[in-house]
């Protein structure tokens, strides 16, 4: 497993964070219990299995919801 943080443009409401959290949790390869959307800092943090999914796949899911990804950071766990 690896850890990732995705920085988004400013989230405008808590329901936006919930929408992103639900979509990220639904992805195969993302550890569902690890997903956290930090509303105040507009970040999404999660653990993932790099053999099943990439950070770019998660970014595409978030972008498809209408949000803008600024940058991503991945760390080995």
C-alpha atoms as a PDB file:
ATOM      1  CA  UNK A   1       0.000   0.000   0.000  1.00  0.00           C
ATOM      2  CA  UNK A   2       1.007   3.573  -0.672  1.00  0.00           C
ATOM      3  CA  UNK A   3      -0.289   6.850   0.738  1.00  0.00           C
ATOM      4  CA  UNK A   4      -1.444   9.702  -1.471  1.00  0.00           C
ATOM      5  CA  UNK A   5      -2.566  13.279  -0.999  1.00  0.00           C
ATOM      6  CA  UNK A   6      -4.383  15.165  -3.723  1.00  0.00           C
ATOM      7  CA  UNK A   7      -4.601  18.966  -3.441  1.00  0.00           C
ATOM      8  CA  UNK A   8      -7.764  20.429  -4.944  1.00  0.00           C
ATOM      9  CA  UNK A   9      -8.897  23.934  -5.700  1.00  0.00           C
ATOM     10  CA  UNK A  10     -11.005  25.306  -2.869  1.00  0.00           C
ATOM     11  CA  UNK A  11     -13.975  23.141  -1.911  1.00  0.00           C
ATOM     12  CA  UNK A  12     -17.072  25.291  -1.576  1.00  0.00           C
ATOM     13  CA  UNK A  13     -19.271  23.133   0.648  1.00  0.00           C
ATOM     14  CA  UNK A  14     -19.196  20.036   2.877  1.00  0.00           C
ATOM     15  CA  UNK A  15     -21.438  18.140   0.458  1.00  0.00           C
ATOM     16  CA  UNK A  16     -18.715  18.534  -2.187  1.00  0.00           C
ATOM     17  CA  UNK A  17     -16.289  16.815   0.155  1.00  0.00           C
ATOM     18  CA  UNK A  18     -18.783  14.021   0.783  1.00  0.00           C
ATOM     19  CA  UNK A  19     -19.280  13.508  -2.952  1.00  0.00           C
ATOM     20  CA  UNK A  20     -15.508  13.217  -3.483  1.00  0.00           C
ATOM     21  CA  UNK A  21     -15.146  10.891  -0.496  1.00  0.00           C
ATOM     22  CA  UNK A  22     -17.893   8.554  -1.710  1.00  0.00           C
ATOM     23  CA  UNK A  23     -16.499   8.414  -5.251  1.00  0.00           C
ATOM     24  CA  UNK A  24     -12.957   7.734  -4.021  1.00  0.00           C
ATOM     25  CA  UNK A  25     -14.115   5.004  -1.629  1.00  0.00           C
ATOM     26  CA  UNK A  26     -15.925   3.241  -4.482  1.00  0.00           C
ATOM     27  CA  UNK A  27     -12.719   2.723  -6.493  1.00  0.00           C
ATOM     28  CA  UNK A  28     -11.172  -0.744  -6.566  1.00  0.00           C
ATOM     29  CA  UNK A  29      -7.700  -0.554  -5.059  1.00  0.00           C
ATOM     30  CA  UNK A  30      -8.408   2.327  -2.669  1.00  0.00           C
ATOM     31  CA  UNK A  31      -8.497   1.361   1.015  1.00  0.00           C
ATOM     32  CA  UNK A  32     -11.975   2.630   1.883  1.00  0.00           C
ATOM     33  CA  UNK A  33     -11.300   3.207   5.596  1.00  0.00           C
ATOM     34  CA  UNK A  34      -8.323   5.427   4.792  1.00  0.00           C
ATOM     35  CA  UNK A  35     -10.155   8.001   2.653  1.00  0.00           C
ATOM     36  CA  UNK A  36     -10.336  11.438   4.273  1.00  0.00           C
ATOM     37  CA  UNK A  37     -11.415  14.687   2.657  1.00  0.00           C
ATOM     38  CA  UNK A  38      -9.985  17.624   4.566  1.00  0.00           C
ATOM     39  CA  UNK A  39     -12.508  20.334   3.758  1.00  0.00           C
ATOM     40  CA  UNK A  40     -10.594  23.274   5.287  1.00  0.00           C
ATOM     41  CA  UNK A  41      -7.387  22.533   3.365  1.00  0.00           C
ATOM     42  CA  UNK A  42      -9.076  21.118   0.217  1.00  0.00           C
ATOM     43  CA  UNK A  43      -7.100  17.868   0.345  1.00  0.00           C
ATOM     44  CA  UNK A  44      -8.013  14.245  -0.238  1.00  0.00           C
ATOM     45  CA  UNK A  45      -5.873  11.664   1.584  1.00  0.00           C
ATOM     46  CA  UNK A  46      -6.056   7.917   1.014  1.00  0.00           C
ATOM     47  CA  UNK A  47      -4.100   4.668   0.896  1.00  0.00           C
ATOM     48  CA  UNK A  48      -4.081   2.621  -2.290  1.00  0.00           C
ATOM     49  CA  UNK A  49      -2.729  -0.535  -3.897  1.00  0.00           C
ATOM     50  CA  UNK A  50      -0.542   0.614  -6.806  1.00  0.00           C
ATOM     51  CA  UNK A  51      -0.996  -2.757  -8.509  1.00  0.00           C
ATOM     52  CA  UNK A  52      -4.755  -2.155  -8.776  1.00  0.00           C
ATOM     53  CA  UNK A  53      -5.109   1.615  -9.242  1.00  0.00           C
ATOM     54  CA  UNK A  54      -2.991   4.701  -9.860  1.00  0.00           C
ATOM     55  CA  UNK A  55      -3.242   8.174  -8.379  1.00  0.00           C
ATOM     56  CA  UNK A  56      -4.009   9.379 -11.903  1.00  0.00           C
ATOM     57  CA  UNK A  57      -7.108   7.137 -11.920  1.00  0.00           C
ATOM     58  CA  UNK A  58      -8.287   8.740  -8.674  1.00  0.00           C
ATOM     59  CA  UNK A  59      -7.570  12.198 -10.097  1.00  0.00           C
ATOM     60  CA  UNK A  60      -9.657  11.384 -13.190  1.00  0.00           C
ATOM     61  CA  UNK A  61     -12.552  10.300 -10.970  1.00  0.00           C
ATOM     62  CA  UNK A  62     -12.408  13.549  -9.002  1.00  0.00           C
ATOM     63  CA  UNK A  63     -12.058  15.627 -12.187  1.00  0.00           C
ATOM     64  CA  UNK A  64     -15.080  13.850 -13.695  1.00  0.00           C
ATOM     65  CA  UNK A  65     -17.103  15.112 -10.713  1.00  0.00           C
ATOM     66  CA  UNK A  66     -16.206  18.672 -11.736  1.00  0.00           C
ATOM     67  CA  UNK A  67     -13.344  19.451  -9.341  1.00  0.00           C
ATOM     68  CA  UNK A  68      -9.879  20.703 -10.253  1.00  0.00           C
ATOM     69  CA  UNK A  69      -6.770  18.838  -9.079  1.00  0.00           C
ATOM     70  CA  UNK A  70      -3.813  21.123  -8.383  1.00  0.00           C
ATOM     71  CA  UNK A  71      -1.168  18.524  -7.483  1.00  0.00           C
ATOM     72  CA  UNK A  72      -0.669  15.053  -6.048  1.00  0.00           C
ATOM     73  CA  UNK A  73       1.875  13.545  -3.737  1.00  0.00           C
ATOM     74  CA  UNK A  74       2.531   9.819  -3.217  1.00  0.00           C
ATOM     75  CA  UNK A  75       4.533   8.258  -0.399  1.00  0.00           C
ATOM     76  CA  UNK A  76       5.465   4.644   0.168  1.00  0.00           C
ATOM     77  CA  UNK A  77       3.761   3.281   3.262  1.00  0.00           C
END
